[in-house]
Amino acid sequence: MQIYVVEPLDTVDSIANKFGTPVEEIIFANQLIYPYKLAVGQALLVEFRPNQYRTRRVINGYAYPFISNYVLRVTLPYLSGLYIFSYGFTKEGEVVSPALDDQWMINEAYENDTKPVLTLTPFDENGVFSNNLITALVNNEQAIENLIGNLIYLMNEKGFAGLDIDFEYIYKEDRDAFTSFVAECTRRMNEYGIWVSVALAPKTSSDQKGLLYEGKDYGGLGAAANSVLLMTYEWGYTYSSPMAVAPINKVRQVIEYALSQIPEAKIDMGIPNYGYDWTLPYEKGVTKAKTIGNVEAIQLAINNGATVQYDDVAQTPFFNYTIGNEIHEVWFEDVRSINAKLNLIDEYNLRGAAYWQIMRLFRANWLLVESKFEVK
């Protein structure tokens, strides 16, 4: 596997000649757009043959039912699990299905030997995480019994192989009740051969303050579920100041704390498949960043003559560009930043990774994954 950073005067042809790689392979792998212009500082995957010493890992990806059929089909061969986002529930324990049919996704997953997973979220009628809905559920034994029974029936009927519990903004008073709920889900689901995972906000200590963190007991949830997903992204987010979405130094801190509470064989690391475009100057509470894809980010740099830079601490690419009187700052992921994250999986011997999300095709990422891991 080779990653090349574009220098001034480089062309696709000159880079192909330098590595003895067919031009068509570079164009295909990096989703280059005719007439194949490049941005200075752009990272290209130029060689991507599978390593004979690849380790076996679990690689999962989240997707909504409105994903492009093409994107799903070309991505599934690289995935262990397809996490379908998302199912909800009422405070009485009735299951709320997605507005769009997802059976076609389940069928496509099985055709590619990928396990379809039902993602359960406590969304209210506005599509926002509701901590009050969580409270109503986890403190009501009858509601829990109803929900688990309804989920088992639905999952067996539709063919789901796993359940992913993605509850956020849990009140600290509900921490132990939520852990008990996950444990009961795991016990009951495992009787039917259904795997249970739980998503964890990126904590770095047991006493970390904040609504995202206080309701999540890493040790307890690690024992309660079959596996956990560390949501190691969103340091840079829609309303934050411009910065990396998943800076490697912060990701490392979360992993090291998680390992003090949870066995390595149970831990999946979250990886973002997107970036953000901020308008400057940043004004807290006012500036709202636009979500963009990683391939889209590079095209934005090319179209505006921007030079891509690389932050060595965050190990993440970024650039600035100007349109009219507006100055923009973009942080995104490329094969360098993804490679750094994938290396952490082997360094800490984690179970694997999960991508949020796979709605936009980032082919170089999947070729990179294939070159490093044998997907379980």
Protein backbone atom coordinates (compact mmCIF):
# COMPACT_ATOMS: atom_id res chain seq x y z
CA MET A 1 0.00 0.00 0.00
CA GLN A 2 1.38 3.39 -1.02
CA ILE A 3 0.06 6.87 -0.29
CA TYR A 4 1.41 9.76 -2.34
CA VAL A 5 1.00 13.47 -1.56
CA VAL A 6 0.64 15.64 -4.66
CA GLU A 7 3.38 18.21 -5.30
CA PRO A 8 3.34 21.26 -7.60
CA LEU A 9 3.43 20.32 -11.32
CA ASP A 10 2.36 16.72 -10.61
CA THR A 11 -0.18 15.12 -12.96
CA VAL A 12 -1.95 11.80 -12.80
CA ASP A 13 0.27 10.59 -15.63
CA SER A 14 3.51 11.65 -13.95
CA ILE A 15 2.49 10.01 -10.68
CA ALA A 16 1.48 6.81 -12.49
CA ASN A 17 4.88 6.74 -14.23
CA LYS A 18 6.68 7.33 -10.93
CA PHE A 19 5.06 4.27 -9.33
CA GLY A 20 4.61 2.11 -12.41
CA THR A 21 0.88 2.01 -11.70
CA PRO A 22 -1.75 2.19 -14.47
CA VAL A 23 -3.32 5.64 -14.71
CA GLU A 24 -6.76 4.05 -14.74
CA GLU A 25 -6.16 2.46 -11.34
CA ILE A 26 -5.25 5.79 -9.73
CA ILE A 27 -8.27 7.48 -11.29
CA PHE A 28 -10.60 4.68 -10.17
CA ALA A 29 -9.26 4.30 -6.63
CA ASN A 30 -9.33 8.03 -5.88
CA GLN A 31 -12.58 8.84 -7.74
CA LEU A 32 -10.84 11.49 -9.82
CA ILE A 33 -13.06 13.57 -12.09
CA TYR A 34 -12.20 14.35 -15.71
CA PRO A 35 -9.99 16.18 -16.70
CA TYR A 36 -8.30 14.68 -13.59
CA LYS A 37 -6.98 17.87 -12.00
CA LEU A 38 -5.19 17.51 -8.68
CA ALA A 39 -4.81 19.73 -5.62
CA VAL A 40 -1.34 20.35 -4.21
CA GLY A 41 -1.20 18.47 -0.91
CA GLN A 42 -3.88 15.98 -1.95
CA ALA A 43 -3.22 12.43 -0.75
CA LEU A 44 -3.65 9.67 -3.33
CA LEU A 45 -3.81 5.93 -2.87
CA VAL A 46 -1.53 4.72 -5.66
CA GLU A 47 -0.90 1.08 -4.72
CA PHE A 48 -3.38 -1.02 -2.77
CA ARG A 49 -2.60 -4.72 -3.00
CA PRO A 50 -3.72 -6.75 0.04
CA ASN A 51 -0.94 -7.43 2.53
CA GLN A 52 -0.27 -11.15 3.00
CA TYR A 53 0.02 -10.57 6.76
CA ARG A 54 -3.39 -8.93 7.17
CA THR A 55 -5.07 -9.25 10.57
CA ARG A 56 -8.71 -10.32 10.86
CA ARG A 57 -10.99 -7.50 11.97
CA VAL A 58 -14.67 -6.60 12.11
CA ILE A 59 -15.56 -3.64 9.89
CA ASN A 60 -19.10 -2.25 10.16
CA GLY A 61 -20.87 0.70 8.55
CA TYR A 62 -24.03 2.68 9.28
CA ALA A 63 -26.51 3.53 6.52
CA TYR A 64 -29.96 5.05 6.13
CA PRO A 65 -32.59 3.31 3.96
CA PHE A 66 -32.28 6.08 1.37
CA ILE A 67 -28.70 5.11 0.53
CA SER A 68 -27.98 4.77 -3.18
CA ASN A 69 -28.33 1.17 -4.32
CA TYR A 70 -25.03 1.52 -6.20
CA VAL A 71 -23.13 2.89 -3.19
CA LEU A 72 -24.45 0.11 -0.97
CA ARG A 73 -23.61 -2.65 -3.45
CA VAL A 74 -20.00 -1.53 -3.99
CA THR A 75 -19.45 -0.99 -0.24
CA LEU A 76 -20.95 -4.18 1.20
CA PRO A 77 -18.07 -6.48 0.14
CA TYR A 78 -15.83 -4.56 2.57
CA LEU A 79 -18.21 -4.82 5.55
CA SER A 80 -18.80 -7.38 8.29
CA GLY A 81 -22.01 -5.69 9.42
CA LEU A 82 -24.49 -3.23 7.91
CA TYR A 83 -25.99 -1.08 10.69
CA ILE A 84 -29.37 0.15 9.41
CA PHE A 85 -30.28 3.53 10.90
CA SER A 86 -32.68 3.59 12.56
CA TYR A 87 -35.59 2.10 14.48
CA GLY A 88 -37.29 3.90 17.35
CA PHE A 89 -39.74 3.01 20.09
CA THR A 90 -42.56 4.43 22.18
CA LYS A 91 -42.50 4.74 25.97
CA GLU A 92 -44.78 1.69 26.09
CA GLY A 93 -42.24 -0.43 24.17
CA GLU A 94 -43.75 -0.44 20.69
CA VAL A 95 -41.20 -0.46 17.83
CA VAL A 96 -41.22 2.45 15.38
CA SER A 97 -39.87 1.40 11.97
CA PRO A 98 -38.03 3.70 9.53
CA ALA A 99 -40.23 5.68 7.15
CA LEU A 100 -38.61 3.95 4.17
CA ASP A 101 -38.53 0.20 3.58
CA ASP A 102 -35.19 -1.40 4.48
CA GLN A 103 -35.85 -5.02 3.48
CA TRP A 104 -33.89 -4.52 0.26
CA MET A 105 -30.86 -3.52 2.35
CA ILE A 106 -31.16 -6.65 4.47
CA ASN A 107 -31.38 -8.80 1.34
CA GLU A 108 -28.36 -7.05 -0.25
CA ALA A 109 -26.37 -7.56 2.95
CA TYR A 110 -26.93 -11.31 2.97
CA GLU A 111 -26.04 -11.57 -0.72
CA ASN A 112 -22.63 -10.13 0.23
CA ASP A 113 -22.14 -12.24 3.40
CA THR A 114 -22.64 -9.11 5.52
CA LYS A 115 -24.72 -9.22 8.71
CA PRO A 116 -27.66 -6.76 8.80
CA VAL A 117 -27.97 -5.01 12.17
CA LEU A 118 -30.98 -3.10 13.54
CA THR A 119 -29.94 0.20 15.08
CA LEU A 120 -32.25 1.27 17.92
CA THR A 121 -32.44 4.98 18.80
CA PRO A 122 -34.64 7.00 21.21
CA PHE A 123 -35.75 9.60 18.65
CA ASP A 124 -38.76 11.79 19.39
CA GLU A 125 -41.30 12.94 16.79
CA ASN A 126 -38.82 15.61 15.61
CA GLY A 127 -36.03 13.10 14.99
CA VAL A 128 -34.02 14.29 18.00
CA PHE A 129 -32.53 12.09 20.73
CA SER A 130 -34.95 12.21 23.68
CA ASN A 131 -33.53 11.59 27.14
CA ASN A 132 -37.07 11.66 28.54
CA LEU A 133 -38.02 8.76 26.29
CA ILE A 134 -34.97 6.87 27.60
CA THR A 135 -36.06 7.56 31.18
CA ALA A 136 -39.58 6.32 30.48
CA LEU A 137 -38.27 3.08 29.00
CA VAL A 138 -35.39 2.00 31.21
CA ASN A 139 -37.33 2.56 34.46
CA ASN A 140 -40.39 0.58 33.33
CA GLU A 141 -40.02 -3.22 33.46
CA GLN A 142 -43.17 -3.81 31.44
CA ALA A 143 -42.05 -1.41 28.69
CA ILE A 144 -38.66 -3.14 28.54
CA GLU A 145 -40.34 -6.54 28.29
CA ASN A 146 -42.64 -5.29 25.54
CA LEU A 147 -39.82 -3.68 23.57
CA ILE A 148 -37.51 -6.68 23.72
CA GLY A 149 -40.30 -9.04 22.73
CA ASN A 150 -41.35 -6.80 19.85
CA LEU A 151 -37.76 -6.44 18.68
CA ILE A 152 -37.11 -10.19 18.72
CA TYR A 153 -40.26 -10.84 16.70
CA LEU A 154 -39.42 -8.11 14.16
CA MET A 155 -35.76 -9.08 13.85
CA ASN A 156 -36.54 -12.74 13.27
CA GLU A 157 -39.24 -11.80 10.75
CA LYS A 158 -36.98 -9.44 8.75
CA GLY A 159 -33.73 -11.36 9.17
CA PHE A 160 -31.65 -9.04 11.33
CA ALA A 161 -28.55 -10.70 12.81
CA GLY A 162 -27.71 -8.03 15.37
CA LEU A 163 -29.02 -5.19 17.52
CA ASP A 164 -27.10 -1.94 17.99
CA ILE A 165 -28.29 0.23 20.90
CA ASP A 166 -27.48 3.86 20.14
CA PHE A 167 -28.85 5.95 23.04
CA GLU A 168 -27.36 9.41 23.58
CA TYR A 169 -27.88 12.17 26.17
CA ILE A 170 -28.79 9.76 28.95
CA TYR A 171 -29.48 11.40 32.32
CA LYS A 172 -26.87 10.46 34.91
CA GLU A 173 -29.71 9.28 37.16
CA ASP A 174 -30.57 6.67 34.49
CA ARG A 175 -27.03 5.34 34.15
CA ASP A 176 -27.49 2.07 36.04
CA ALA A 177 -31.00 1.49 34.68
CA PHE A 178 -29.67 1.89 31.13
CA THR A 179 -26.86 -0.57 31.81
CA SER A 180 -29.41 -3.08 33.16
CA PHE A 181 -31.55 -2.55 30.04
CA VAL A 182 -28.58 -3.35 27.78
CA ALA A 183 -27.73 -6.43 29.85
CA GLU A 184 -31.31 -7.71 29.59
CA CYS A 185 -31.37 -7.06 25.83
CA THR A 186 -28.14 -9.01 25.44
CA ARG A 187 -29.35 -11.92 27.55
CA ARG A 188 -32.61 -12.26 25.63
CA MET A 189 -31.20 -11.59 22.16
CA ASN A 190 -28.34 -14.03 22.60
CA GLU A 191 -30.88 -16.79 23.20
CA TYR A 192 -31.92 -16.27 19.56
CA GLY A 193 -28.37 -15.98 18.26
CA ILE A 194 -28.62 -12.18 17.93
CA TRP A 195 -25.50 -10.12 18.69
CA VAL A 196 -25.87 -6.91 20.74
CA SER A 197 -23.64 -3.86 20.55
CA VAL A 198 -23.92 -0.53 22.34
CA ALA A 199 -22.62 2.86 21.21
CA LEU A 200 -20.53 4.84 23.69
CA ALA A 201 -19.87 8.58 23.71
CA PRO A 202 -16.09 9.27 23.64
CA LYS A 203 -15.15 9.41 27.32
CA THR A 204 -11.60 9.84 28.60
CA SER A 205 -12.28 9.32 32.34
CA SER A 206 -14.88 7.79 34.63
CA ASP A 207 -15.87 11.13 36.16
CA GLN A 208 -16.16 13.08 32.89
CA LYS A 209 -18.92 15.67 33.18
CA GLY A 210 -21.60 16.40 30.60
CA LEU A 211 -24.90 14.98 29.34
CA LEU A 212 -23.15 12.92 26.68
CA TYR A 213 -20.96 11.13 29.22
CA GLU A 214 -22.44 10.81 32.70
CA GLY A 215 -25.13 8.33 31.67
CA LYS A 216 -22.63 5.91 30.10
CA ASP A 217 -20.86 3.44 32.39
CA TYR A 218 -18.04 2.10 30.21
CA GLY A 219 -17.21 -0.83 32.46
CA GLY A 220 -20.82 -1.80 33.07
CA LEU A 221 -21.86 -1.51 29.44
CA GLY A 222 -18.75 -3.34 28.29
CA ALA A 223 -19.80 -6.25 30.49
CA ALA A 224 -23.47 -5.98 29.52
CA ALA A 225 -23.13 -6.02 25.70
CA ASN A 226 -21.38 -8.38 23.29
CA SER A 227 -19.40 -5.44 21.86
CA VAL A 228 -19.17 -1.67 22.08
CA LEU A 229 -18.66 1.11 19.56
CA LEU A 230 -16.56 4.07 20.63
CA MET A 231 -18.04 7.11 18.86
CA THR A 232 -14.61 8.62 18.29
CA TYR A 233 -15.70 11.54 16.14
CA GLU A 234 -17.47 14.93 16.33
CA TRP A 235 -14.78 16.94 18.08
CA GLY A 236 -15.23 19.17 15.08
CA TYR A 237 -18.97 19.36 14.42
CA THR A 238 -21.71 21.56 12.95
CA TYR A 239 -21.56 24.25 15.65
CA SER A 240 -17.95 23.93 16.81
CA SER A 241 -15.02 26.08 15.81
CA PRO A 242 -13.10 24.72 12.79
CA MET A 243 -11.13 21.61 13.74
CA ALA A 244 -10.66 17.95 12.91
CA VAL A 245 -13.72 15.72 13.25
CA ALA A 246 -11.63 12.90 14.74
CA PRO A 247 -8.17 14.15 15.78
CA ILE A 248 -5.94 11.14 16.31
CA ASN A 249 -4.60 12.36 19.66
CA LYS A 250 -8.15 12.59 21.06
CA VAL A 251 -9.14 9.23 19.56
CA ARG A 252 -6.12 7.65 21.23
CA GLN A 253 -7.13 9.06 24.64
CA VAL A 254 -10.62 7.57 24.34
CA ILE A 255 -9.27 4.16 23.33
CA GLU A 256 -6.83 4.08 26.22
CA TYR A 257 -9.56 4.92 28.72
CA ALA A 258 -11.89 2.34 27.17
CA LEU A 259 -9.21 -0.34 27.47
CA SER A 260 -9.00 0.35 31.21
CA GLN A 261 -12.68 -0.62 31.46
CA ILE A 262 -13.47 -3.02 28.60
CA PRO A 263 -11.62 -6.00 27.04
CA GLU A 264 -9.94 -5.13 23.73
CA ALA A 265 -11.77 -7.96 21.95
CA LYS A 266 -15.08 -6.15 22.56
CA ILE A 267 -14.10 -2.70 21.26
CA ASP A 268 -14.87 -1.22 17.84
CA MET A 269 -13.47 2.22 17.01
CA GLY A 270 -15.70 4.73 15.25
CA ILE A 271 -14.42 6.36 12.04
CA PRO A 272 -16.07 9.38 10.36
CA ASN A 273 -16.71 9.30 6.61
CA TYR A 274 -17.28 13.04 6.22
CA GLY A 275 -15.90 16.50 6.92
CA TYR A 276 -17.12 20.04 7.56
CA ASP A 277 -16.90 23.37 5.73
CA TRP A 278 -16.94 26.42 8.02
CA THR A 279 -17.40 30.05 6.99
CA LEU A 280 -14.95 32.40 8.75
CA PRO A 281 -14.74 34.24 11.03
CA TYR A 282 -16.22 31.66 13.37
CA GLU A 283 -18.84 33.04 15.75
CA LYS A 284 -19.95 30.73 18.56
CA GLY A 285 -23.67 30.00 18.46
CA VAL A 286 -24.01 31.57 15.02
CA THR A 287 -21.64 29.82 12.61
CA LYS A 288 -23.04 26.57 11.24
CA ALA A 289 -20.69 24.29 9.32
CA LYS A 290 -21.84 22.39 6.25
CA THR A 291 -21.31 18.61 6.18
CA ILE A 292 -19.40 17.46 3.10
CA GLY A 293 -18.01 14.19 1.77
CA ASN A 294 -14.29 13.50 1.60
CA VAL A 295 -14.24 13.24 -2.20
CA GLU A 296 -16.35 16.40 -2.38
CA ALA A 297 -13.83 18.20 -0.16
CA ILE A 298 -10.97 17.49 -2.55
CA GLN A 299 -13.01 18.68 -5.52
CA LEU A 300 -13.73 21.87 -3.58
CA ALA A 301 -10.00 22.40 -3.08
CA ILE A 302 -9.30 21.77 -6.78
CA ASN A 303 -12.06 24.08 -7.99
CA ASN A 304 -10.82 26.91 -5.77
CA GLY A 305 -7.08 26.45 -6.23
CA ALA A 306 -6.56 25.60 -2.56
CA THR A 307 -3.49 23.81 -1.19
CA VAL A 308 -4.34 20.94 1.15
CA GLN A 309 -2.40 21.03 4.41
CA TYR A 310 -1.98 18.33 7.02
CA ASP A 311 -2.11 18.83 10.79
CA ASP A 312 0.53 16.54 12.28
CA VAL A 313 -1.03 16.52 15.77
CA ALA A 314 -4.58 15.73 14.66
CA GLN A 315 -3.24 13.77 11.65
CA THR A 316 -6.04 15.26 9.57
CA PRO A 317 -6.08 17.28 6.31
CA PHE A 318 -7.55 20.77 6.02
CA PHE A 319 -7.52 23.77 3.68
CA ASN A 320 -8.84 27.29 3.26
CA TYR A 321 -10.49 28.80 0.22
CA THR A 322 -12.26 32.04 -0.68
CA ILE A 323 -15.49 32.60 -2.61
CA GLY A 324 -16.30 36.27 -3.14
CA ASN A 325 -15.78 37.90 0.24
CA GLU A 326 -16.25 34.65 2.17
CA ILE A 327 -13.29 32.77 3.63
CA HIS A 328 -13.88 29.08 4.32
CA GLU A 329 -12.03 26.43 6.32
CA VAL A 330 -12.52 22.73 5.56
CA TRP A 331 -11.48 19.72 7.66
CA PHE A 332 -12.05 16.26 6.22
CA GLU A 333 -10.61 12.73 6.03
CA ASP A 334 -8.17 11.37 3.44
CA VAL A 335 -6.21 8.15 3.08
CA ARG A 336 -3.49 9.49 5.40
CA SER A 337 -5.89 10.24 8.26
CA ILE A 338 -7.83 7.01 7.70
CA ASN A 339 -4.59 5.02 7.65
CA ALA A 340 -3.57 6.58 10.97
CA LYS A 341 -6.87 5.53 12.51
CA LEU A 342 -6.74 2.01 11.09
CA ASN A 343 -3.25 1.62 12.52
CA LEU A 344 -4.69 2.19 16.01
CA ILE A 345 -6.83 -0.92 15.60
CA ASP A 346 -3.75 -3.10 15.25
CA GLU A 347 -1.72 -1.11 17.77
CA TYR A 348 -4.32 -1.71 20.50
CA ASN A 349 -5.56 -5.04 19.07
CA LEU A 350 -9.16 -3.84 18.93
CA ARG A 351 -12.02 -5.92 17.57
CA GLY A 352 -12.44 -3.60 14.60
CA ALA A 353 -14.12 -0.40 13.41
CA ALA A 354 -17.48 1.08 12.45
CA TYR A 355 -17.97 3.90 9.95
CA TRP A 356 -20.40 6.74 10.48
CA GLN A 357 -21.64 6.60 7.81
CA ILE A 358 -21.36 4.94 4.38
CA MET A 359 -23.87 7.09 2.48
CA ARG A 360 -21.10 8.72 0.40
CA LEU A 361 -18.74 6.46 -1.50
CA PHE A 362 -15.08 6.87 -0.48
CA ARG A 363 -13.50 4.10 -2.54
CA ALA A 364 -9.88 4.76 -1.52
CA ASN A 365 -10.90 4.17 2.10
CA TRP A 366 -12.31 0.72 1.33
CA LEU A 367 -9.31 -0.29 -0.77
CA LEU A 368 -7.11 0.82 2.11
CA VAL A 369 -9.17 -1.28 4.55
CA GLU A 370 -8.88 -4.29 2.24
CA SER A 371 -5.10 -3.86 1.98
CA LYS A 372 -4.71 -3.89 5.78
CA PHE A 373 -7.39 -6.26 7.11
CA GLU A 374 -9.08 -9.52 6.36
CA VAL A 375 -12.68 -8.62 7.14
CA LYS A 376 -14.45 -11.16 9.35
